[in-house]
Structure formats: structure tokens, C-alpha cells
Amino acid sequence: MRVMLTSCGIETDEIKKHFLKMLGKKPSDTSALFIPTAAIDADAIAVLPKCMNDLLKCGIPKDKIQVFDLHRNMQIEELQSVDVIYLCGGRTSYLLERLNKTGFRETLLSYIQDDGFVIGVSAGSVVFADNLPESLGLLDAKLNVHCKKSNITGPVHFPLAENIELSNTAAMLIRNIPDDVEIVDNEMH
């Protein structure tokens, strides 16, 4: 399992370092699936170039980044051909609705269980938590993003007594639930 949940994507050098380590291969040989579906209002749409730049600044070639807007499901075999999935931010409820209605939910969860790598940004992170009904259910806790300060850093121990709060410079690294989860945050050091 390789899931990275963030408020703002690859915002810091530390997050970039962890992203590349979790990726586990040369960025120049990496293919990515970029999912902008949650970006349905002007503010979220305006951030999409920054999100795309996250992948480019890590060294993933532009011609190896496929945009996929969740208007249909994708077969698991096709999804397994990509090395990383980038779920953009925007409206969480809309992203969750599209994941569930297209059937991509099951394909995505199978991809993750088969060691596929996913990075979530804002709404793309919240869909994995317990914030809304029919969430992806990866985290048995609520996740708040864009917080002034992260409330947990270092190893995360479940069950949690409180919601998880991620600052804009934090990333939750999930390698195995509940045994290998940690939050890194530059602002906390």
C-alpha cells in the first residue's frame, strides 16, 4: 500500500523526497494518471496548473501524464499500467460521487491493495477519510486539510481519539494500515 494524503500536493522538498521514495522508480520512467475531477469551481480550476507542475517538477515527463476525468470506469489492467495516480482537489462530495457512480471506486481500491501509488490533494485526500458517507474508507477517522497546523506528526497510532488535521506543508504517508502510517510536516521541525 502506497498512499500519500496532502492538503496542497508536493508543496515542500520533504514531501517531494517522500513522494520519490514511495514512487520507487526513476521519475523519467514513470507514468501518471492525473484526475482533475473535483475541480469544478473557479478557485479549484485555477490551482490545476500547480497540481500538474507537482508531477513535472518531480521529473515525470509531460507525455507520460494522462488526464482522466472520471466520466467512466477504468479496467484494473489499464489502471495498473500507471505508476502513480494524482487526485486533485476541489469539491470532495462531487469527486466522491463520480468515484462511486462510475465504479472507479472499486478499481482504485484494488489498485491500492495491489501496491499502486496514489497521491491525494485536498479533496483528493479527504475522500479516503470518514468525512462523508460512502467515502473510500481507507482511514477510520475524519481528515481536515488546509489547517493552520498539523495536530499529529510522526507515527500515527489507531484508533485515533481525534480528527487528523493536516497543514499545507504536511503529508500523511500510508504504507500499511494500521501499522505503518506517519505524518511528516516541515513546519513542525
N, C-alpha and C. Protein backbone atom coordinates (compact mmCIF):
# COMPACT_ATOMS: atom_id res chain seq x y z
N MET A 1 0.85 -1.18 0.00
CA MET A 1 0.00 0.00 0.00
C MET A 1 0.89 1.24 0.00
N ARG A 2 0.60 2.15 -0.93
CA ARG A 2 1.36 3.40 -1.00
C ARG A 2 0.40 4.54 -1.29
N VAL A 3 0.00 5.24 -0.24
CA VAL A 3 -0.92 6.37 -0.38
C VAL A 3 -0.33 7.55 0.36
N MET A 4 -0.33 8.72 -0.29
CA MET A 4 0.15 9.95 0.31
C MET A 4 -1.00 10.95 0.28
N LEU A 5 -1.43 11.41 1.46
CA LEU A 5 -2.52 12.37 1.56
C LEU A 5 -1.95 13.72 1.96
N THR A 6 -2.35 14.76 1.22
CA THR A 6 -1.82 16.11 1.45
C THR A 6 -2.94 17.14 1.37
N SER A 7 -2.64 18.34 1.85
CA SER A 7 -3.54 19.48 1.65
C SER A 7 -3.25 20.16 0.33
N CYS A 8 -1.96 20.28 0.00
CA CYS A 8 -1.55 21.10 -1.16
C CYS A 8 -0.63 20.38 -2.14
N GLY A 9 -0.53 19.08 -2.07
CA GLY A 9 0.32 18.37 -3.01
C GLY A 9 1.77 18.37 -2.58
N ILE A 10 2.64 18.40 -3.58
CA ILE A 10 4.08 18.31 -3.33
C ILE A 10 4.60 19.72 -3.08
N GLU A 11 4.26 20.20 -1.89
CA GLU A 11 4.45 21.60 -1.52
C GLU A 11 5.85 21.90 -1.00
N THR A 12 6.54 20.90 -0.47
CA THR A 12 7.85 21.13 0.14
C THR A 12 8.87 20.11 -0.39
N ASP A 13 10.14 20.41 -0.17
CA ASP A 13 11.19 19.47 -0.56
C ASP A 13 11.06 18.15 0.20
N GLU A 14 10.63 18.21 1.47
CA GLU A 14 10.47 16.99 2.25
C GLU A 14 9.35 16.12 1.66
N ILE A 15 8.25 16.72 1.28
CA ILE A 15 7.16 15.94 0.67
C ILE A 15 7.64 15.35 -0.66
N LYS A 16 8.39 16.14 -1.43
CA LYS A 16 8.94 15.65 -2.70
C LYS A 16 9.84 14.44 -2.46
N LYS A 17 10.69 14.53 -1.45
CA LYS A 17 11.60 13.42 -1.12
C LYS A 17 10.80 12.16 -0.80
N HIS A 18 9.76 12.29 0.00
CA HIS A 18 8.93 11.13 0.37
C HIS A 18 8.14 10.61 -0.84
N PHE A 19 7.66 11.53 -1.68
CA PHE A 19 6.95 11.13 -2.89
C PHE A 19 7.85 10.26 -3.77
N LEU A 20 9.08 10.73 -4.00
CA LEU A 20 10.01 9.99 -4.86
C LEU A 20 10.39 8.64 -4.25
N LYS A 21 10.54 8.61 -2.94
CA LYS A 21 10.86 7.35 -2.26
C LYS A 21 9.70 6.36 -2.40
N MET A 22 8.47 6.84 -2.18
CA MET A 22 7.30 5.96 -2.30
C MET A 22 7.08 5.54 -3.75
N LEU A 23 7.44 6.40 -4.69
CA LEU A 23 7.30 6.08 -6.11
C LEU A 23 8.15 4.86 -6.45
N GLY A 24 9.39 4.85 -5.97
CA GLY A 24 10.24 3.68 -6.09
C GLY A 24 10.80 3.40 -7.48
N LYS A 25 10.79 4.39 -8.34
CA LYS A 25 11.41 4.22 -9.65
C LYS A 25 11.83 5.58 -10.18
N LYS A 26 12.62 5.58 -11.24
CA LYS A 26 13.08 6.84 -11.80
C LYS A 26 11.89 7.63 -12.34
N PRO A 27 11.78 8.90 -11.98
CA PRO A 27 10.66 9.71 -12.49
C PRO A 27 10.59 9.74 -14.01
N SER A 28 11.75 9.71 -14.68
CA SER A 28 11.75 9.77 -16.15
C SER A 28 11.11 8.51 -16.76
N ASP A 29 11.02 7.43 -15.98
CA ASP A 29 10.39 6.19 -16.45
C ASP A 29 8.98 6.00 -15.89
N THR A 30 8.44 7.06 -15.30
CA THR A 30 7.17 6.98 -14.58
C THR A 30 6.01 7.47 -15.44
N SER A 31 4.89 6.74 -15.35
CA SER A 31 3.66 7.20 -15.98
C SER A 31 2.68 7.58 -14.88
N ALA A 32 1.89 8.61 -15.13
CA ALA A 32 0.97 9.12 -14.12
C ALA A 32 -0.42 9.30 -14.70
N LEU A 33 -1.40 9.14 -13.84
CA LEU A 33 -2.80 9.41 -14.17
C LEU A 33 -3.21 10.61 -13.33
N PHE A 34 -3.57 11.69 -14.00
CA PHE A 34 -3.90 12.96 -13.36
C PHE A 34 -5.42 13.10 -13.40
N ILE A 35 -6.06 13.16 -12.21
CA ILE A 35 -7.52 13.20 -12.14
C ILE A 35 -7.97 14.54 -11.56
N PRO A 36 -8.43 15.48 -12.44
CA PRO A 36 -8.84 16.81 -12.00
C PRO A 36 -10.33 16.92 -11.66
N THR A 37 -11.04 15.82 -11.57
CA THR A 37 -12.50 15.78 -11.47
C THR A 37 -13.08 16.68 -10.40
N ALA A 38 -12.45 16.76 -9.23
CA ALA A 38 -13.00 17.55 -8.11
C ALA A 38 -12.98 19.05 -8.39
N ALA A 39 -12.17 19.50 -9.34
CA ALA A 39 -12.01 20.93 -9.63
C ALA A 39 -13.18 21.42 -10.48
N ILE A 40 -14.28 21.77 -9.81
CA ILE A 40 -15.48 22.21 -10.55
C ILE A 40 -15.83 23.67 -10.29
N ASP A 41 -15.05 24.35 -9.45
CA ASP A 41 -15.29 25.78 -9.28
C ASP A 41 -14.02 26.55 -9.65
N ALA A 42 -14.16 27.85 -9.81
CA ALA A 42 -13.07 28.67 -10.34
C ALA A 42 -11.78 28.58 -9.51
N ASP A 43 -11.91 28.60 -8.19
CA ASP A 43 -10.71 28.54 -7.35
C ASP A 43 -9.95 27.23 -7.54
N ALA A 44 -10.68 26.13 -7.57
CA ALA A 44 -10.03 24.82 -7.74
C ALA A 44 -9.44 24.68 -9.14
N ILE A 45 -10.14 25.17 -10.14
CA ILE A 45 -9.65 25.10 -11.52
C ILE A 45 -8.35 25.91 -11.65
N ALA A 46 -8.29 27.04 -10.97
CA ALA A 46 -7.10 27.89 -11.04
C ALA A 46 -5.85 27.20 -10.47
N VAL A 47 -6.03 26.22 -9.60
CA VAL A 47 -4.90 25.52 -8.96
C VAL A 47 -4.42 24.34 -9.82
N LEU A 48 -5.19 23.92 -10.80
CA LEU A 48 -4.81 22.74 -11.59
C LEU A 48 -3.42 22.84 -12.23
N PRO A 49 -3.00 23.99 -12.79
CA PRO A 49 -1.64 24.04 -13.34
C PRO A 49 -0.56 23.77 -12.28
N LYS A 50 -0.77 24.23 -11.04
CA LYS A 50 0.17 23.97 -9.95
C LYS A 50 0.21 22.48 -9.67
N CYS A 51 -0.95 21.83 -9.70
CA CYS A 51 -1.01 20.38 -9.45
C CYS A 51 -0.26 19.62 -10.54
N MET A 52 -0.49 19.97 -11.78
CA MET A 52 0.23 19.32 -12.88
C MET A 52 1.73 19.56 -12.72
N ASN A 53 2.10 20.76 -12.29
CA ASN A 53 3.51 21.08 -12.11
C ASN A 53 4.14 20.23 -11.01
N ASP A 54 3.35 19.78 -10.01
CA ASP A 54 3.89 18.89 -8.98
C ASP A 54 4.54 17.67 -9.63
N LEU A 55 3.85 17.08 -10.59
CA LEU A 55 4.38 15.89 -11.25
C LEU A 55 5.58 16.23 -12.13
N LEU A 56 5.48 17.35 -12.84
CA LEU A 56 6.57 17.76 -13.73
C LEU A 56 7.84 18.10 -12.96
N LYS A 57 7.70 18.80 -11.82
CA LYS A 57 8.89 19.19 -11.04
C LYS A 57 9.56 17.99 -10.37
N CYS A 58 8.83 16.88 -10.28
CA CYS A 58 9.44 15.65 -9.76
C CYS A 58 10.16 14.88 -10.86
N GLY A 59 10.04 15.34 -12.11
CA GLY A 59 10.76 14.72 -13.21
C GLY A 59 9.93 13.76 -14.05
N ILE A 60 8.62 13.72 -13.83
CA ILE A 60 7.76 12.86 -14.65
C ILE A 60 7.52 13.58 -15.98
N PRO A 61 7.84 12.93 -17.10
CA PRO A 61 7.68 13.58 -18.40
C PRO A 61 6.22 13.90 -18.71
N LYS A 62 6.01 15.07 -19.30
CA LYS A 62 4.66 15.52 -19.63
C LYS A 62 3.93 14.52 -20.52
N ASP A 63 4.65 13.88 -21.43
CA ASP A 63 4.00 12.94 -22.34
C ASP A 63 3.65 11.60 -21.67
N LYS A 64 4.04 11.44 -20.41
CA LYS A 64 3.70 10.23 -19.66
C LYS A 64 2.63 10.51 -18.60
N ILE A 65 2.00 11.70 -18.70
CA ILE A 65 0.92 12.06 -17.78
C ILE A 65 -0.39 12.07 -18.56
N GLN A 66 -1.28 11.18 -18.18
CA GLN A 66 -2.60 11.07 -18.83
C GLN A 66 -3.63 11.75 -17.94
N VAL A 67 -4.48 12.59 -18.51
CA VAL A 67 -5.56 13.23 -17.77
C VAL A 67 -6.80 12.33 -17.89
N PHE A 68 -7.43 12.07 -16.75
CA PHE A 68 -8.60 11.19 -16.71
C PHE A 68 -9.64 11.86 -15.83
N ASP A 69 -10.82 12.17 -16.39
CA ASP A 69 -11.81 12.97 -15.67
C ASP A 69 -12.98 12.19 -15.08
N LEU A 70 -12.86 10.89 -14.91
CA LEU A 70 -13.86 10.08 -14.24
C LEU A 70 -15.26 10.15 -14.86
N HIS A 71 -15.33 10.11 -16.17
CA HIS A 71 -16.64 10.01 -16.82
C HIS A 71 -17.00 8.55 -17.10
N ARG A 72 -16.05 7.67 -16.77
CA ARG A 72 -16.26 6.23 -16.95
C ARG A 72 -15.34 5.51 -15.97
N ASN A 73 -15.53 4.23 -15.83
CA ASN A 73 -14.62 3.43 -15.04
C ASN A 73 -13.40 3.11 -15.90
N MET A 74 -12.38 2.60 -15.28
CA MET A 74 -11.20 2.14 -15.99
C MET A 74 -10.94 0.72 -15.50
N GLN A 75 -10.66 -0.17 -16.41
CA GLN A 75 -10.38 -1.55 -16.02
C GLN A 75 -9.10 -1.59 -15.20
N ILE A 76 -9.05 -2.51 -14.26
CA ILE A 76 -7.89 -2.60 -13.37
C ILE A 76 -6.60 -2.83 -14.15
N GLU A 77 -6.65 -3.58 -15.23
CA GLU A 77 -5.44 -3.83 -16.04
C GLU A 77 -4.90 -2.53 -16.62
N GLU A 78 -5.79 -1.67 -17.07
CA GLU A 78 -5.37 -0.37 -17.61
C GLU A 78 -4.81 0.51 -16.50
N LEU A 79 -5.47 0.49 -15.36
CA LEU A 79 -5.01 1.31 -14.24
C LEU A 79 -3.65 0.84 -13.73
N GLN A 80 -3.43 -0.46 -13.71
CA GLN A 80 -2.16 -1.00 -13.24
C GLN A 80 -0.99 -0.64 -14.16
N SER A 81 -1.28 -0.12 -15.33
CA SER A 81 -0.20 0.29 -16.23
C SER A 81 0.38 1.66 -15.87
N VAL A 82 -0.26 2.37 -14.92
CA VAL A 82 0.28 3.66 -14.47
C VAL A 82 0.98 3.48 -13.13
N ASP A 83 2.01 4.28 -12.92
CA ASP A 83 2.83 4.17 -11.72
C ASP A 83 2.31 4.99 -10.55
N VAL A 84 1.60 6.07 -10.85
CA VAL A 84 1.07 6.92 -9.79
C VAL A 84 -0.23 7.57 -10.26
N ILE A 85 -1.16 7.71 -9.35
CA ILE A 85 -2.42 8.42 -9.60
C ILE A 85 -2.40 9.68 -8.75
N TYR A 86 -2.68 10.82 -9.37
CA TYR A 86 -2.73 12.11 -8.68
C TYR A 86 -4.18 12.57 -8.66
N LEU A 87 -4.80 12.57 -7.46
CA LEU A 87 -6.19 13.02 -7.29
C LEU A 87 -6.20 14.47 -6.84
N CYS A 88 -6.63 15.35 -7.72
CA CYS A 88 -6.64 16.79 -7.43
C CYS A 88 -7.73 17.18 -6.44
N GLY A 89 -7.61 18.40 -5.94
CA GLY A 89 -8.58 18.95 -5.00
C GLY A 89 -9.74 19.65 -5.70
N GLY A 90 -10.64 20.13 -4.87
CA GLY A 90 -11.85 20.78 -5.35
C GLY A 90 -13.00 20.42 -4.43
N ARG A 91 -14.11 20.00 -5.02
CA ARG A 91 -15.29 19.65 -4.22
C ARG A 91 -15.28 18.16 -3.88
N THR A 92 -15.10 17.85 -2.62
CA THR A 92 -15.00 16.47 -2.15
C THR A 92 -16.24 15.65 -2.49
N SER A 93 -17.42 16.21 -2.23
CA SER A 93 -18.66 15.46 -2.47
C SER A 93 -18.82 15.10 -3.94
N TYR A 94 -18.43 16.00 -4.84
CA TYR A 94 -18.53 15.71 -6.27
C TYR A 94 -17.55 14.62 -6.69
N LEU A 95 -16.31 14.70 -6.19
CA LEU A 95 -15.31 13.68 -6.50
C LEU A 95 -15.79 12.31 -6.01
N LEU A 96 -16.29 12.26 -4.81
CA LEU A 96 -16.78 11.01 -4.24
C LEU A 96 -17.96 10.46 -5.05
N GLU A 97 -18.84 11.34 -5.45
CA GLU A 97 -19.99 10.93 -6.28
C GLU A 97 -19.50 10.30 -7.59
N ARG A 98 -18.54 10.93 -8.25
CA ARG A 98 -18.02 10.41 -9.53
C ARG A 98 -17.28 9.07 -9.31
N LEU A 99 -16.50 8.97 -8.25
CA LEU A 99 -15.80 7.72 -7.94
C LEU A 99 -16.80 6.58 -7.77
N ASN A 100 -17.89 6.85 -7.06
CA ASN A 100 -18.88 5.81 -6.78
C ASN A 100 -19.76 5.50 -7.99
N LYS A 101 -20.23 6.53 -8.70
CA LYS A 101 -21.14 6.31 -9.84
C LYS A 101 -20.48 5.62 -11.03
N THR A 102 -19.21 5.89 -11.25
CA THR A 102 -18.53 5.28 -12.40
C THR A 102 -18.00 3.88 -12.10
N GLY A 103 -17.97 3.51 -10.82
CA GLY A 103 -17.38 2.23 -10.45
C GLY A 103 -15.87 2.31 -10.27
N PHE A 104 -15.30 3.50 -10.45
CA PHE A 104 -13.85 3.68 -10.32
C PHE A 104 -13.39 3.45 -8.87
N ARG A 105 -14.31 3.60 -7.94
CA ARG A 105 -14.01 3.36 -6.52
C ARG A 105 -13.37 1.99 -6.32
N GLU A 106 -14.05 0.95 -6.81
CA GLU A 106 -13.55 -0.42 -6.63
C GLU A 106 -12.23 -0.63 -7.36
N THR A 107 -12.12 -0.07 -8.57
CA THR A 107 -10.89 -0.20 -9.33
C THR A 107 -9.73 0.49 -8.60
N LEU A 108 -9.98 1.67 -8.08
CA LEU A 108 -8.96 2.42 -7.35
C LEU A 108 -8.53 1.68 -6.09
N LEU A 109 -9.48 1.16 -5.34
CA LEU A 109 -9.14 0.43 -4.11
C LEU A 109 -8.37 -0.85 -4.43
N SER A 110 -8.72 -1.52 -5.52
CA SER A 110 -7.96 -2.71 -5.94
C SER A 110 -6.54 -2.32 -6.32
N TYR A 111 -6.40 -1.21 -7.04
CA TYR A 111 -5.08 -0.69 -7.43
C TYR A 111 -4.22 -0.44 -6.19
N ILE A 112 -4.82 0.19 -5.17
CA ILE A 112 -4.09 0.49 -3.93
C ILE A 112 -3.70 -0.81 -3.22
N GLN A 113 -4.62 -1.75 -3.14
CA GLN A 113 -4.33 -3.02 -2.46
C GLN A 113 -3.23 -3.80 -3.18
N ASP A 114 -3.09 -3.56 -4.48
CA ASP A 114 -2.07 -4.24 -5.29
C ASP A 114 -0.78 -3.42 -5.35
N ASP A 115 -0.56 -2.54 -4.35
CA ASP A 115 0.63 -1.71 -4.21
C ASP A 115 0.72 -0.58 -5.22
N GLY A 116 -0.42 -0.17 -5.80
CA GLY A 116 -0.42 1.03 -6.64
C GLY A 116 -0.23 2.26 -5.77
N PHE A 117 0.34 3.31 -6.34
CA PHE A 117 0.68 4.53 -5.59
C PHE A 117 -0.31 5.64 -5.93
N VAL A 118 -0.90 6.25 -4.89
CA VAL A 118 -1.86 7.34 -5.07
C VAL A 118 -1.42 8.51 -4.20
N ILE A 119 -1.47 9.72 -4.79
CA ILE A 119 -1.30 10.94 -4.01
C ILE A 119 -2.60 11.72 -4.10
N GLY A 120 -3.13 12.08 -2.94
CA GLY A 120 -4.34 12.88 -2.87
C GLY A 120 -3.99 14.30 -2.46
N VAL A 121 -4.72 15.25 -3.03
CA VAL A 121 -4.54 16.66 -2.71
C VAL A 121 -5.89 17.22 -2.28
N SER A 122 -5.96 17.76 -1.08
CA SER A 122 -7.17 18.38 -0.54
C SER A 122 -8.36 17.42 -0.66
N ALA A 123 -9.35 17.72 -1.50
CA ALA A 123 -10.50 16.81 -1.67
C ALA A 123 -10.05 15.42 -2.09
N GLY A 124 -8.98 15.35 -2.85
CA GLY A 124 -8.43 14.06 -3.28
C GLY A 124 -7.85 13.26 -2.13
N SER A 125 -7.63 13.90 -1.00
CA SER A 125 -7.20 13.22 0.23
C SER A 125 -8.41 12.89 1.11
N VAL A 126 -9.32 13.85 1.21
CA VAL A 126 -10.47 13.71 2.11
C VAL A 126 -11.36 12.53 1.72
N VAL A 127 -11.43 12.18 0.42
CA VAL A 127 -12.28 11.06 0.01
C VAL A 127 -11.85 9.74 0.65
N PHE A 128 -10.62 9.65 1.14
CA PHE A 128 -10.12 8.43 1.78
C PHE A 128 -10.50 8.34 3.25
N ALA A 129 -10.98 9.45 3.84
CA ALA A 129 -11.28 9.51 5.26
C ALA A 129 -12.78 9.34 5.50
N ASP A 130 -13.15 9.44 6.75
CA ASP A 130 -14.53 9.20 7.19
C ASP A 130 -15.39 10.45 7.19
N ASN A 131 -15.04 11.46 6.43
CA ASN A 131 -15.76 12.74 6.47
C ASN A 131 -17.16 12.68 5.89
N LEU A 132 -17.36 11.88 4.85
CA LEU A 132 -18.65 11.82 4.15
C LEU A 132 -19.14 10.39 4.05
N PRO A 133 -20.46 10.21 3.94
CA PRO A 133 -20.97 8.86 3.71
C PRO A 133 -20.41 8.30 2.41
N GLU A 134 -20.23 7.02 2.35
CA GLU A 134 -19.74 6.32 1.16
C GLU A 134 -18.32 6.74 0.76
N SER A 135 -17.54 7.19 1.74
CA SER A 135 -16.14 7.53 1.45
C SER A 135 -15.39 6.25 1.08
N LEU A 136 -14.15 6.39 0.68
CA LEU A 136 -13.37 5.23 0.28
C LEU A 136 -12.96 4.37 1.47
N GLY A 137 -13.09 4.91 2.68
CA GLY A 137 -12.93 4.12 3.89
C GLY A 137 -11.52 3.65 4.22
N LEU A 138 -10.53 4.27 3.65
CA LEU A 138 -9.16 3.87 3.95
C LEU A 138 -8.78 4.27 5.39
N LEU A 139 -9.23 5.46 5.81
CA LEU A 139 -8.96 5.94 7.16
C LEU A 139 -10.23 5.88 8.00
N ASP A 140 -10.10 5.33 9.18
CA ASP A 140 -11.22 5.28 10.11
C ASP A 140 -11.17 6.51 11.02
N ALA A 141 -11.13 7.68 10.39
CA ALA A 141 -11.07 8.96 11.10
C ALA A 141 -11.44 10.05 10.10
N LYS A 142 -11.80 11.20 10.63
CA LYS A 142 -12.03 12.35 9.77
C LYS A 142 -10.69 13.03 9.48
N LEU A 143 -10.58 13.60 8.29
CA LEU A 143 -9.36 14.29 7.87
C LEU A 143 -9.71 15.72 7.51
N ASN A 144 -9.09 16.66 8.19
CA ASN A 144 -9.25 18.08 7.88
C ASN A 144 -7.98 18.57 7.20
N VAL A 145 -8.13 19.24 6.07
CA VAL A 145 -6.99 19.75 5.31
C VAL A 145 -6.94 21.27 5.38
N HIS A 146 -5.84 21.84 4.98
CA HIS A 146 -5.60 23.28 4.98
C HIS A 146 -5.71 23.87 6.39
N CYS A 147 -5.27 23.11 7.37
CA CYS A 147 -5.30 23.57 8.76
C CYS A 147 -4.09 24.46 9.02
N LYS A 148 -4.23 25.34 10.01
CA LYS A 148 -3.13 26.23 10.37
C LYS A 148 -1.91 25.41 10.80
N LYS A 149 -2.18 24.27 11.45
CA LYS A 149 -1.10 23.45 11.99
C LYS A 149 -1.56 21.99 12.00
N SER A 150 -0.65 21.07 11.74
CA SER A 150 -0.96 19.64 11.85
C SER A 150 -1.04 19.28 13.33
N ASN A 151 -2.02 18.45 13.68
CA ASN A 151 -2.16 18.08 15.09
C ASN A 151 -1.38 16.81 15.46
N ILE A 152 -0.88 16.10 14.45
CA ILE A 152 -0.09 14.90 14.69
C ILE A 152 1.11 14.96 13.75
N THR A 153 2.28 14.60 14.25
CA THR A 153 3.43 14.36 13.37
C THR A 153 4.12 13.10 13.86
N GLY A 154 4.83 12.48 12.96
CA GLY A 154 5.47 11.22 13.29
C GLY A 154 4.49 10.07 13.09
N PRO A 155 4.75 8.92 13.73
CA PRO A 155 3.89 7.75 13.56
C PRO A 155 2.46 8.03 14.04
N VAL A 156 1.50 7.47 13.32
CA VAL A 156 0.09 7.61 13.67
C VAL A 156 -0.38 6.27 14.22
N HIS A 157 -1.00 6.32 15.38
CA HIS A 157 -1.48 5.10 16.04
C HIS A 157 -3.00 5.09 16.05
N PHE A 158 -3.57 4.01 15.57
CA PHE A 158 -5.03 3.86 15.51
C PHE A 158 -5.49 2.97 16.65
N PRO A 159 -6.71 3.16 17.15
CA PRO A 159 -7.70 4.16 16.74
C PRO A 159 -7.30 5.55 17.26
N LEU A 160 -7.73 6.55 16.53
CA LEU A 160 -7.41 7.93 16.89
C LEU A 160 -8.49 8.50 17.80
N ALA A 161 -8.08 9.32 18.73
CA ALA A 161 -9.02 9.97 19.64
C ALA A 161 -9.59 11.25 19.05
N GLU A 162 -8.97 11.73 17.96
CA GLU A 162 -9.41 13.00 17.37
C GLU A 162 -9.28 12.95 15.86
N ASN A 163 -9.83 13.97 15.21
CA ASN A 163 -9.68 14.10 13.76
C ASN A 163 -8.22 14.37 13.42
N ILE A 164 -7.84 14.01 12.20
CA ILE A 164 -6.50 14.31 11.73
C ILE A 164 -6.54 15.69 11.08
N GLU A 165 -5.61 16.54 11.45
CA GLU A 165 -5.52 17.88 10.85
C GLU A 165 -4.18 18.01 10.15
N LEU A 166 -4.24 18.30 8.85
CA LEU A 166 -3.02 18.46 8.06
C LEU A 166 -2.84 19.93 7.67
N SER A 167 -1.66 20.44 7.91
CA SER A 167 -1.33 21.79 7.43
C SER A 167 -1.03 21.71 5.93
N ASN A 168 -0.80 22.86 5.34
CA ASN A 168 -0.49 22.90 3.91
C ASN A 168 0.90 22.37 3.59
N THR A 169 1.73 22.15 4.61
CA THR A 169 3.09 21.64 4.40
C THR A 169 3.25 20.21 4.90
N ALA A 170 2.13 19.53 5.12
CA ALA A 170 2.17 18.18 5.69
C ALA A 170 1.75 17.13 4.67
N ALA A 171 2.19 15.90 4.93
CA ALA A 171 1.75 14.74 4.13
C ALA A 171 1.58 13.55 5.06
N MET A 172 0.49 12.84 4.86
CA MET A 172 0.27 11.59 5.58
C MET A 172 0.72 10.48 4.66
N LEU A 173 1.69 9.68 5.13
CA LEU A 173 2.26 8.60 4.33
C LEU A 173 1.68 7.28 4.84
N ILE A 174 0.94 6.60 3.98
CA ILE A 174 0.28 5.35 4.37
C ILE A 174 0.93 4.22 3.59
N ARG A 175 1.59 3.35 4.33
CA ARG A 175 2.23 2.19 3.72
C ARG A 175 1.51 0.90 4.11
N ASN A 176 0.91 0.92 5.29
CA ASN A 176 0.14 -0.24 5.77
C ASN A 176 -0.72 0.24 6.94
N ILE A 177 -2.01 0.08 6.82
CA ILE A 177 -2.91 0.49 7.91
C ILE A 177 -3.17 -0.72 8.77
N PRO A 178 -3.05 -0.67 10.07
CA PRO A 178 -2.76 0.50 10.91
C PRO A 178 -1.29 0.60 11.33
N ASP A 179 -0.44 -0.27 10.80
CA ASP A 179 0.92 -0.41 11.34
C ASP A 179 1.97 0.55 10.80
N ASP A 180 1.81 1.09 9.61
CA ASP A 180 2.86 1.93 9.03
C ASP A 180 2.25 3.18 8.40
N VAL A 181 1.87 4.11 9.27
CA VAL A 181 1.30 5.38 8.86
C VAL A 181 2.04 6.47 9.61
N GLU A 182 2.46 7.51 8.90
CA GLU A 182 3.13 8.63 9.58
C GLU A 182 2.75 9.93 8.90
N ILE A 183 2.89 11.01 9.66
CA ILE A 183 2.66 12.35 9.12
C ILE A 183 3.97 13.11 9.21
N VAL A 184 4.39 13.64 8.08
CA VAL A 184 5.57 14.49 8.03
C VAL A 184 5.10 15.93 7.77
N ASP A 185 5.77 16.87 8.42
CA ASP A 185 5.38 18.27 8.27
C ASP A 185 6.59 19.16 8.52
N ASN A 186 7.02 19.86 7.48
CA ASN A 186 8.18 20.76 7.60
C ASN A 186 8.00 21.81 8.67
N GLU A 187 6.80 22.30 8.83
CA GLU A 187 6.56 23.40 9.78
C GLU A 187 6.72 22.96 11.23
N MET A 188 6.73 21.65 11.46
CA MET A 188 6.82 21.16 12.83
C MET A 188 8.28 20.98 13.27
N HIS A 189 9.22 21.17 12.39
CA HIS A 189 10.63 20.93 12.75
C HIS A 189 11.36 22.22 12.97
